[in-house]
Protein backbone atom coordinates (compact mmCIF):
# COMPACT_ATOMS: atom_id res chain seq x y z
CA MET A 1 -7.21 -19.00 14.52
CA THR A 2 -4.74 -17.41 16.89
CA GLN A 3 -5.68 -15.63 20.09
CA PHE A 4 -4.77 -12.28 18.62
CA GLY A 5 -6.09 -12.86 15.13
CA MET A 6 -8.84 -14.27 12.98
CA SER A 7 -8.13 -16.40 9.90
CA VAL A 8 -9.68 -18.25 7.00
CA ARG A 9 -8.06 -20.65 4.54
CA VAL A 10 -9.28 -20.38 0.96
CA ASP A 11 -8.98 -22.47 -2.17
CA ALA A 12 -7.73 -19.68 -4.39
CA PRO A 13 -4.33 -18.59 -5.61
CA LEU A 14 -2.66 -15.86 -3.58
CA ASP A 15 -3.19 -13.13 -6.20
CA GLN A 16 -6.88 -13.93 -6.50
CA ALA A 17 -7.34 -14.08 -2.72
CA LEU A 18 -5.50 -10.76 -2.39
CA GLU A 19 -7.83 -9.05 -4.88
CA ARG A 20 -10.89 -10.53 -3.17
CA THR A 21 -9.59 -9.34 0.19
CA ARG A 22 -9.03 -5.80 -1.09
CA ALA A 23 -12.57 -5.74 -2.53
CA ALA A 24 -14.12 -7.14 0.66
CA LEU A 25 -12.24 -4.59 2.78
CA ALA A 26 -13.58 -1.79 0.58
CA GLU A 27 -17.13 -3.14 0.96
CA GLU A 28 -16.71 -2.88 4.74
CA GLY A 29 -15.42 0.70 4.56
CA PHE A 30 -11.69 0.00 4.84
CA GLY A 31 -9.08 1.71 2.71
CA ILE A 32 -5.62 0.25 2.20
CA LEU A 33 -3.02 2.66 3.61
CA THR A 34 0.00 0.41 3.22
CA GLU A 35 0.92 -2.75 1.39
CA ILE A 36 4.06 -4.70 2.21
CA ASP A 37 5.28 -7.65 0.15
CA VAL A 38 7.16 -9.48 2.88
CA ALA A 39 8.71 -12.12 0.60
CA SER A 40 10.07 -9.49 -1.81
CA THR A 41 11.38 -7.36 1.02
CA LEU A 42 13.19 -10.24 2.71
CA LYS A 43 14.63 -11.36 -0.63
CA ALA A 44 15.91 -7.85 -1.38
CA LYS A 45 17.26 -7.14 2.11
CA LEU A 46 18.48 -10.56 3.25
CA ASP A 47 18.56 -12.68 0.08
CA VAL A 48 16.26 -15.26 1.70
CA ASP A 49 13.26 -16.98 0.20
CA VAL A 50 10.04 -17.25 2.21
CA GLN A 51 6.46 -18.15 1.30
CA PRO A 52 4.53 -15.29 -0.34
CA GLN A 53 2.98 -12.93 2.20
CA ILE A 54 1.36 -9.53 1.74
CA ILE A 55 0.51 -7.28 4.69
CA LEU A 56 -2.34 -4.85 4.03
CA GLY A 57 -2.60 -1.91 6.42
CA ALA A 58 -6.36 -1.39 6.42
CA CYS A 59 -8.12 1.60 7.93
CA ASN A 60 -11.77 2.45 8.39
CA ALA A 61 -11.47 6.23 8.68
CA PRO A 62 -14.68 6.88 10.69
CA LEU A 63 -13.75 4.21 13.25
CA ALA A 64 -10.16 5.46 13.43
CA ARG A 65 -11.40 9.02 14.00
CA GLN A 66 -13.70 7.90 16.82
CA GLY A 67 -10.90 5.97 18.47
CA LEU A 68 -8.38 8.80 18.14
CA GLN A 69 -10.86 11.22 19.73
CA ILE A 70 -10.95 8.96 22.77
CA GLU A 71 -7.26 8.04 22.82
CA PRO A 72 -4.90 10.23 20.75
CA ASP A 73 -2.09 7.67 21.08
CA LEU A 74 -4.26 5.00 19.43
CA GLY A 75 -2.44 5.85 16.20
CA LEU A 76 0.45 3.78 17.55
CA LEU A 77 -1.74 0.71 17.08
CA LEU A 78 -3.21 1.57 13.68
CA PRO A 79 -3.87 0.51 10.98
CA CYS A 80 -5.54 -2.91 11.24
CA ASN A 81 -3.22 -5.42 9.62
CA VAL A 82 -4.66 -8.00 7.26
CA VAL A 83 -2.25 -10.63 5.96
CA VAL A 84 -2.70 -12.71 2.82
CA ARG A 85 -0.13 -15.47 2.65
CA THR A 86 0.70 -18.89 1.38
CA ASP A 87 1.15 -21.44 4.15
CA ASP A 88 3.61 -24.35 4.18
CA ASP A 89 1.01 -26.63 2.55
CA GLY A 90 0.53 -24.22 -0.36
CA HIS A 91 -2.89 -23.02 0.75
CA THR A 92 -3.83 -19.35 0.90
CA LEU A 93 -4.55 -17.97 4.36
CA ILE A 94 -6.15 -14.61 5.11
CA SER A 95 -5.69 -13.32 8.66
CA ALA A 96 -6.70 -10.13 10.45
CA LEU A 97 -5.59 -8.73 13.75
CA ASN A 98 -8.41 -8.75 16.29
CA PRO A 99 -9.12 -5.06 17.01
CA GLU A 100 -10.30 -5.98 20.51
CA ILE A 101 -6.69 -6.91 21.30
CA MET A 102 -5.49 -3.56 19.94
CA VAL A 103 -7.72 -1.52 22.23
CA SER A 104 -6.85 -3.61 25.27
CA VAL A 105 -3.38 -2.04 25.19
CA PRO A 106 -4.43 1.49 26.23
CA ASP A 107 -6.98 0.00 28.70
CA ARG A 108 -9.73 2.45 27.74
CA PRO A 109 -13.14 0.72 28.01
CA GLU A 110 -14.78 3.42 25.90
CA LEU A 111 -12.84 2.07 22.90
CA GLU A 112 -14.48 -1.36 23.18
CA PRO A 113 -17.59 -0.60 21.05
CA ILE A 114 -15.40 0.80 18.27
CA ALA A 115 -13.20 -2.30 18.38
CA ALA A 116 -16.27 -4.55 18.34
CA ASP A 117 -17.54 -2.76 15.23
CA ALA A 118 -14.14 -3.10 13.52
CA LYS A 119 -13.98 -6.79 14.50
CA THR A 120 -17.41 -7.47 13.02
CA ARG A 121 -16.40 -5.74 9.79
CA LEU A 122 -13.16 -7.71 9.56
CA GLN A 123 -15.02 -10.96 10.26
CA ASN A 124 -17.36 -10.03 7.40
CA VAL A 125 -14.32 -9.53 5.15
CA LEU A 126 -12.95 -12.96 6.01
CA ARG A 127 -16.36 -14.58 5.53
CA THR A 128 -16.85 -12.87 2.16
CA VAL A 129 -13.47 -13.99 0.86
CA ALA A 130 -14.02 -17.53 2.14
CA ASP A 131 -17.49 -17.71 0.56
CA GLN A 132 -16.11 -16.59 -2.81
CA SER A 133 -13.70 -19.51 -2.93
CA THR A 134 -16.32 -22.22 -2.48
């Protein structure tokens, strides 16, 4: 786990972990706004090969709305990124940005309960995906 993120390693192929992550995000009220295949993009743009990595731009609309009502520029920090990738050992890693870090940027304490709710939901996503691989 990094200071700015939360992660779980799962015993599942990347495609399976990606589908489980999408389903778990939906269960927690997150929609996927963007999806970036980093490996494909770097291959196409730079002709380099990297480990598979998919960035999901996840958004919980009610939480985003609450945050934007408090801080209109919060959109600069949205959506919550969730990354599903293969690490150097061939394992699948699912990571999510800690929303508490995101709301520390504008330094608006009234955003903290919203970030705490988003963090709990993202932790539930990671736990669900990890539990499905055991």
